[in-house]
Amino acid sequence: MTAKPRVVSCPRCGAPVPWTPDSRYRPFCSARCRTIDLGAWANEQYRVAATEENAEPGAEPADPK
């Protein structure tokens, strides 16, 4: 009895992608979706939220340049 492979959604288009070694572009469904996603990162369309932490408690915030 073989277990069914996990199926994930392509992060770009939402198509189902089986999570197996045969799924060459996983988690993407195709090279096209992978390339579009890479282009979005390169164009800074995705951002990771971050907060700047001060080195010392009570210190003034750093000057943004």
PDB file of N, CA and C in Angstrom:
ATOM      1  N   MET A   1       0.840  -1.172   0.000  1.00  0.00           N
ATOM      2  CA  MET A   1       0.000   0.000   0.000  1.00  0.00           C
ATOM      3  C   MET A   1       0.892   1.244   0.000  1.00  0.00           C
ATOM      4  N   THR A   2       0.746   2.093  -0.998  1.00  0.00           N
ATOM      5  CA  THR A   2       1.536   3.313  -1.062  1.00  0.00           C
ATOM      6  C   THR A   2       0.684   4.492  -0.607  1.00  0.00           C
ATOM      7  N   ALA A   3       1.319   5.387   0.112  1.00  0.00           N
ATOM      8  CA  ALA A   3       0.611   6.566   0.596  1.00  0.00           C
ATOM      9  C   ALA A   3       0.481   7.585  -0.534  1.00  0.00           C
ATOM     10  N   LYS A   4      -0.613   8.320  -0.513  1.00  0.00           N
ATOM     11  CA  LYS A   4      -0.805   9.372  -1.511  1.00  0.00           C
ATOM     12  C   LYS A   4       0.166  10.498  -1.207  1.00  0.00           C
ATOM     13  N   PRO A   5       0.761  11.077  -2.250  1.00  0.00           N
ATOM     14  CA  PRO A   5       1.686  12.187  -1.994  1.00  0.00           C
ATOM     15  C   PRO A   5       0.920  13.421  -1.523  1.00  0.00           C
ATOM     16  N   ARG A   6       1.578  14.217  -0.723  1.00  0.00           N
ATOM     17  CA  ARG A   6       0.990  15.477  -0.275  1.00  0.00           C
ATOM     18  C   ARG A   6       0.807  16.375  -1.491  1.00  0.00           C
ATOM     19  N   VAL A   7      -0.293  17.075  -1.550  1.00  0.00           N
ATOM     20  CA  VAL A   7      -0.574  18.002  -2.638  1.00  0.00           C
ATOM     21  C   VAL A   7      -0.608  19.407  -2.056  1.00  0.00           C
ATOM     22  N   VAL A   8       0.199  20.306  -2.648  1.00  0.00           N
ATOM     23  CA  VAL A   8       0.242  21.693  -2.203  1.00  0.00           C
ATOM     24  C   VAL A   8      -0.257  22.589  -3.334  1.00  0.00           C
ATOM     25  N   SER A   9      -0.605  23.797  -2.999  1.00  0.00           N
ATOM     26  CA  SER A   9      -1.035  24.755  -4.016  1.00  0.00           C
ATOM     27  C   SER A   9       0.167  25.555  -4.492  1.00  0.00           C
ATOM     28  N   CYS A  10       0.257  25.772  -5.790  1.00  0.00           N
ATOM     29  CA  CYS A  10       1.312  26.605  -6.353  1.00  0.00           C
ATOM     30  C   CYS A  10       1.161  27.992  -5.749  1.00  0.00           C
ATOM     31  N   PRO A  11       2.239  28.561  -5.170  1.00  0.00           N
ATOM     32  CA  PRO A  11       2.119  29.869  -4.542  1.00  0.00           C
ATOM     33  C   PRO A  11       1.815  30.991  -5.533  1.00  0.00           C
ATOM     34  N   ARG A  12       2.021  30.762  -6.798  1.00  0.00           N
ATOM     35  CA  ARG A  12       1.790  31.801  -7.805  1.00  0.00           C
ATOM     36  C   ARG A  12       0.367  31.736  -8.361  1.00  0.00           C
ATOM     37  N   CYS A  13      -0.061  30.549  -8.826  1.00  0.00           N
ATOM     38  CA  CYS A  13      -1.361  30.460  -9.505  1.00  0.00           C
ATOM     39  C   CYS A  13      -2.398  29.631  -8.756  1.00  0.00           C
ATOM     40  N   GLY A  14      -1.948  28.877  -7.752  1.00  0.00           N
ATOM     41  CA  GLY A  14      -2.889  28.084  -6.963  1.00  0.00           C
ATOM     42  C   GLY A  14      -3.154  26.692  -7.500  1.00  0.00           C
ATOM     43  N   ALA A  15      -2.519  26.292  -8.595  1.00  0.00           N
ATOM     44  CA  ALA A  15      -2.720  24.953  -9.159  1.00  0.00           C
ATOM     45  C   ALA A  15      -2.202  23.894  -8.182  1.00  0.00           C
ATOM     46  N   PRO A  16      -2.841  22.726  -8.148  1.00  0.00           N
ATOM     47  CA  PRO A  16      -2.363  21.669  -7.253  1.00  0.00           C
ATOM     48  C   PRO A  16      -1.037  21.096  -7.750  1.00  0.00           C
ATOM     49  N   VAL A  17      -0.107  20.881  -6.813  1.00  0.00           N
ATOM     50  CA  VAL A  17       1.211  20.339  -7.141  1.00  0.00           C
ATOM     51  C   VAL A  17       1.493  19.184  -6.194  1.00  0.00           C
ATOM     52  N   PRO A  18       1.675  17.955  -6.728  1.00  0.00           N
ATOM     53  CA  PRO A  18       2.033  16.842  -5.847  1.00  0.00           C
ATOM     54  C   PRO A  18       3.463  17.030  -5.329  1.00  0.00           C
ATOM     55  N   TRP A  19       3.678  16.815  -4.035  1.00  0.00           N
ATOM     56  CA  TRP A  19       4.993  17.007  -3.427  1.00  0.00           C
ATOM     57  C   TRP A  19       5.777  15.703  -3.553  1.00  0.00           C
ATOM     58  N   THR A  20       6.330  15.487  -4.741  1.00  0.00           N
ATOM     59  CA  THR A  20       7.122  14.301  -5.028  1.00  0.00           C
ATOM     60  C   THR A  20       8.397  14.715  -5.752  1.00  0.00           C
ATOM     61  N   PRO A  21       9.408  13.837  -5.785  1.00  0.00           N
ATOM     62  CA  PRO A  21      10.634  14.157  -6.524  1.00  0.00           C
ATOM     63  C   PRO A  21      10.379  14.400  -8.022  1.00  0.00           C
ATOM     64  N   ASP A  22       9.287  13.872  -8.534  1.00  0.00           N
ATOM     65  CA  ASP A  22       8.937  14.076  -9.950  1.00  0.00           C
ATOM     66  C   ASP A  22       8.426  15.492 -10.224  1.00  0.00           C
ATOM     67  N   SER A  23       8.004  16.199  -9.195  1.00  0.00           N
ATOM     68  CA  SER A  23       7.518  17.571  -9.356  1.00  0.00           C
ATOM     69  C   SER A  23       8.740  18.479  -9.403  1.00  0.00           C
ATOM     70  N   ARG A  24       9.228  18.688 -10.587  1.00  0.00           N
ATOM     71  CA  ARG A  24      10.506  19.359 -10.810  1.00  0.00           C
ATOM     72  C   ARG A  24      10.571  20.782 -10.265  1.00  0.00           C
ATOM     73  N   TYR A  25       9.463  21.514 -10.289  1.00  0.00           N
ATOM     74  CA  TYR A  25       9.470  22.927  -9.906  1.00  0.00           C
ATOM     75  C   TYR A  25       8.814  23.195  -8.555  1.00  0.00           C
ATOM     76  N   ARG A  26       8.577  22.164  -7.778  1.00  0.00           N
ATOM     77  CA  ARG A  26       7.874  22.353  -6.516  1.00  0.00           C
ATOM     78  C   ARG A  26       8.511  23.416  -5.660  1.00  0.00           C
ATOM     79  N   PRO A  27       7.786  24.231  -4.990  1.00  0.00           N
ATOM     80  CA  PRO A  27       6.343  24.197  -4.789  1.00  0.00           C
ATOM     81  C   PRO A  27       5.549  24.806  -5.936  1.00  0.00           C
ATOM     82  N   PHE A  28       6.232  25.239  -7.004  1.00  0.00           N
ATOM     83  CA  PHE A  28       5.537  25.830  -8.146  1.00  0.00           C
ATOM     84  C   PHE A  28       5.089  24.731  -9.101  1.00  0.00           C
ATOM     85  N   CYS A  29       4.094  25.042  -9.912  1.00  0.00           N
ATOM     86  CA  CYS A  29       3.572  24.046 -10.846  1.00  0.00           C
ATOM     87  C   CYS A  29       4.390  23.993 -12.132  1.00  0.00           C
ATOM     88  N   SER A  30       5.116  25.076 -12.436  1.00  0.00           N
ATOM     89  CA  SER A  30       5.853  25.115 -13.699  1.00  0.00           C
ATOM     90  C   SER A  30       7.023  26.093 -13.604  1.00  0.00           C
ATOM     91  N   ALA A  31       7.880  26.035 -14.615  1.00  0.00           N
ATOM     92  CA  ALA A  31       9.002  26.973 -14.689  1.00  0.00           C
ATOM     93  C   ALA A  31       8.473  28.396 -14.835  1.00  0.00           C
ATOM     94  N   ARG A  32       7.362  28.558 -15.525  1.00  0.00           N
ATOM     95  CA  ARG A  32       6.786  29.890 -15.724  1.00  0.00           C
ATOM     96  C   ARG A  32       6.400  30.528 -14.390  1.00  0.00           C
ATOM     97  N   CYS A  33       5.688  29.790 -13.548  1.00  0.00           N
ATOM     98  CA  CYS A  33       5.283  30.328 -12.245  1.00  0.00           C
ATOM     99  C   CYS A  33       6.505  30.612 -11.380  1.00  0.00           C
ATOM    100  N   ARG A  34       7.508  29.746 -11.428  1.00  0.00           N
ATOM    101  CA  ARG A  34       8.728  29.952 -10.652  1.00  0.00           C
ATOM    102  C   ARG A  34       9.438  31.232 -11.101  1.00  0.00           C
ATOM    103  N   THR A  35       9.521  31.446 -12.419  1.00  0.00           N
ATOM    104  CA  THR A  35      10.193  32.623 -12.963  1.00  0.00           C
ATOM    105  C   THR A  35       9.436  33.905 -12.644  1.00  0.00           C
ATOM    106  N   ILE A  36       8.122  33.872 -12.739  1.00  0.00           N
ATOM    107  CA  ILE A  36       7.310  35.048 -12.402  1.00  0.00           C
ATOM    108  C   ILE A  36       7.520  35.415 -10.935  1.00  0.00           C
ATOM    109  N   ASP A  37       7.548  34.416 -10.052  1.00  0.00           N
ATOM    110  CA  ASP A  37       7.746  34.676  -8.634  1.00  0.00           C
ATOM    111  C   ASP A  37       9.139  35.248  -8.369  1.00  0.00           C
ATOM    112  N   LEU A  38      10.157  34.711  -9.021  1.00  0.00           N
ATOM    113  CA  LEU A  38      11.509  35.237  -8.865  1.00  0.00           C
ATOM    114  C   LEU A  38      11.579  36.684  -9.337  1.00  0.00           C
ATOM    115  N   GLY A  39      10.923  37.003 -10.436  1.00  0.00           N
ATOM    116  CA  GLY A  39      10.879  38.376 -10.943  1.00  0.00           C
ATOM    117  C   GLY A  39      10.210  39.321  -9.964  1.00  0.00           C
ATOM    118  N   ALA A  40       9.173  38.851  -9.292  1.00  0.00           N
ATOM    119  CA  ALA A  40       8.486  39.687  -8.296  1.00  0.00           C
ATOM    120  C   ALA A  40       9.424  39.996  -7.133  1.00  0.00           C
ATOM    121  N   TRP A  41      10.212  39.022  -6.700  1.00  0.00           N
ATOM    122  CA  TRP A  41      11.195  39.273  -5.642  1.00  0.00           C
ATOM    123  C   TRP A  41      12.242  40.262  -6.129  1.00  0.00           C
ATOM    124  N   ALA A  42      12.729  40.078  -7.354  1.00  0.00           N
ATOM    125  CA  ALA A  42      13.766  40.953  -7.898  1.00  0.00           C
ATOM    126  C   ALA A  42      13.270  42.396  -8.041  1.00  0.00           C
ATOM    127  N   ASN A  43      11.995  42.569  -8.322  1.00  0.00           N
ATOM    128  CA  ASN A  43      11.411  43.907  -8.459  1.00  0.00           C
ATOM    129  C   ASN A  43      10.919  44.473  -7.129  1.00  0.00           C
ATOM    130  N   GLU A  44      11.238  43.772  -6.048  1.00  0.00           N
ATOM    131  CA  GLU A  44      10.864  44.174  -4.694  1.00  0.00           C
ATOM    132  C   GLU A  44       9.357  44.336  -4.505  1.00  0.00           C
ATOM    133  N   GLN A  45       8.586  43.466  -5.156  1.00  0.00           N
ATOM    134  CA  GLN A  45       7.137  43.475  -4.964  1.00  0.00           C
ATOM    135  C   GLN A  45       6.752  42.771  -3.668  1.00  0.00           C
ATOM    136  N   TYR A  46       7.628  41.916  -3.165  1.00  0.00           N
ATOM    137  CA  TYR A  46       7.412  41.256  -1.886  1.00  0.00           C
ATOM    138  C   TYR A  46       8.279  41.961  -0.862  1.00  0.00           C
ATOM    139  N   ARG A  47       7.760  42.120   0.326  1.00  0.00           N
ATOM    140  CA  ARG A  47       8.522  42.747   1.395  1.00  0.00           C
ATOM    141  C   ARG A  47       8.382  41.892   2.648  1.00  0.00           C
ATOM    142  N   VAL A  48       9.450  41.815   3.395  1.00  0.00           N
ATOM    143  CA  VAL A  48       9.421  41.137   4.676  1.00  0.00           C
ATOM    144  C   VAL A  48       9.394  42.214   5.743  1.00  0.00           C
ATOM    145  N   ALA A  49       8.345  42.212   6.543  1.00  0.00           N
ATOM    146  CA  ALA A  49       8.211  43.228   7.586  1.00  0.00           C
ATOM    147  C   ALA A  49       9.280  43.018   8.650  1.00  0.00           C
ATOM    148  N   ALA A  50       9.882  44.098   9.069  1.00  0.00           N
ATOM    149  CA  ALA A  50      10.916  44.012  10.091  1.00  0.00           C
ATOM    150  C   ALA A  50      10.877  45.275  10.939  1.00  0.00           C
ATOM    151  N   THR A  51      11.292  45.123  12.165  1.00  0.00           N
ATOM    152  CA  THR A  51      11.430  46.275  13.037  1.00  0.00           C
ATOM    153  C   THR A  51      12.881  46.341  13.471  1.00  0.00           C
ATOM    154  N   GLU A  52      13.385  47.546  13.576  1.00  0.00           N
ATOM    155  CA  GLU A  52      14.762  47.734  13.982  1.00  0.00           C
ATOM    156  C   GLU A  52      14.831  47.719  15.491  1.00  0.00           C
ATOM    157  N   GLU A  53      15.723  46.900  16.016  1.00  0.00           N
ATOM    158  CA  GLU A  53      15.892  46.836  17.465  1.00  0.00           C
ATOM    159  C   GLU A  53      17.098  47.671  17.857  1.00  0.00           C
ATOM    160  N   ASN A  54      16.943  48.420  18.915  1.00  0.00           N
ATOM    161  CA  ASN A  54      18.050  49.232  19.419  1.00  0.00           C
ATOM    162  C   ASN A  54      19.052  48.345  20.149  1.00  0.00           C
ATOM    163  N   ALA A  55      20.313  48.742  20.092  1.00  0.00           N
ATOM    164  CA  ALA A  55      21.362  47.989  20.770  1.00  0.00           C
ATOM    165  C   ALA A  55      21.228  48.106  22.284  1.00  0.00           C
ATOM    166  N   GLU A  56      20.814  49.274  22.763  1.00  0.00           N
ATOM    167  CA  GLU A  56      20.678  49.502  24.195  1.00  0.00           C
ATOM    168  C   GLU A  56      19.253  49.944  24.521  1.00  0.00           C
ATOM    169  N   PRO A  57      18.700  49.457  25.609  1.00  0.00           N
ATOM    170  CA  PRO A  57      17.372  49.915  25.994  1.00  0.00           C
ATOM    171  C   PRO A  57      17.382  51.419  26.260  1.00  0.00           C
ATOM    172  N   GLY A  58      16.407  52.133  25.744  1.00  0.00           N
ATOM    173  CA  GLY A  58      16.290  53.562  25.948  1.00  0.00           C
ATOM    174  C   GLY A  58      17.127  54.394  24.995  1.00  0.00           C
ATOM    175  N   ALA A  59      17.851  53.755  24.083  1.00  0.00           N
ATOM    176  CA  ALA A  59      18.691  54.497  23.125  1.00  0.00           C
ATOM    177  C   ALA A  59      17.811  55.129  22.064  1.00  0.00           C
ATOM    178  N   GLU A  60      18.286  56.209  21.483  1.00  0.00           N
ATOM    179  CA  GLU A  60      17.562  56.898  20.417  1.00  0.00           C
ATOM    180  C   GLU A  60      17.530  56.011  19.164  1.00  0.00           C
ATOM    181  N   PRO A  61      16.458  56.082  18.385  1.00  0.00           N
ATOM    182  CA  PRO A  61      16.407  55.302  17.141  1.00  0.00           C
ATOM    183  C   PRO A  61      17.491  55.768  16.175  1.00  0.00           C
ATOM    184  N   ALA A  62      17.970  54.853  15.354  1.00  0.00           N
ATOM    185  CA  ALA A  62      19.010  55.167  14.375  1.00  0.00           C
ATOM    186  C   ALA A  62      18.465  56.113  13.320  1.00  0.00           C
ATOM    187  N   ASP A  63      19.316  56.966  12.781  1.00  0.00           N
ATOM    188  CA  ASP A  63      18.940  57.903  11.727  1.00  0.00           C
ATOM    189  C   ASP A  63      18.777  57.158  10.414  1.00  0.00           C
ATOM    190  N   PRO A  64      17.572  57.129   9.818  1.00  0.00           N
ATOM    191  CA  PRO A  64      17.425  56.470   8.509  1.00  0.00           C
ATOM    192  C   PRO A  64      18.061  57.325   7.424  1.00  0.00           C
ATOM    193  N   LYS A  65      18.792  56.691   6.535  1.00  0.00           N
ATOM    194  CA  LYS A  65      19.444  57.440   5.440  1.00  0.00           C
ATOM    195  C   LYS A  65      18.977  56.953   4.119  1.00  0.00           C
TER     196      LYS A  65
END
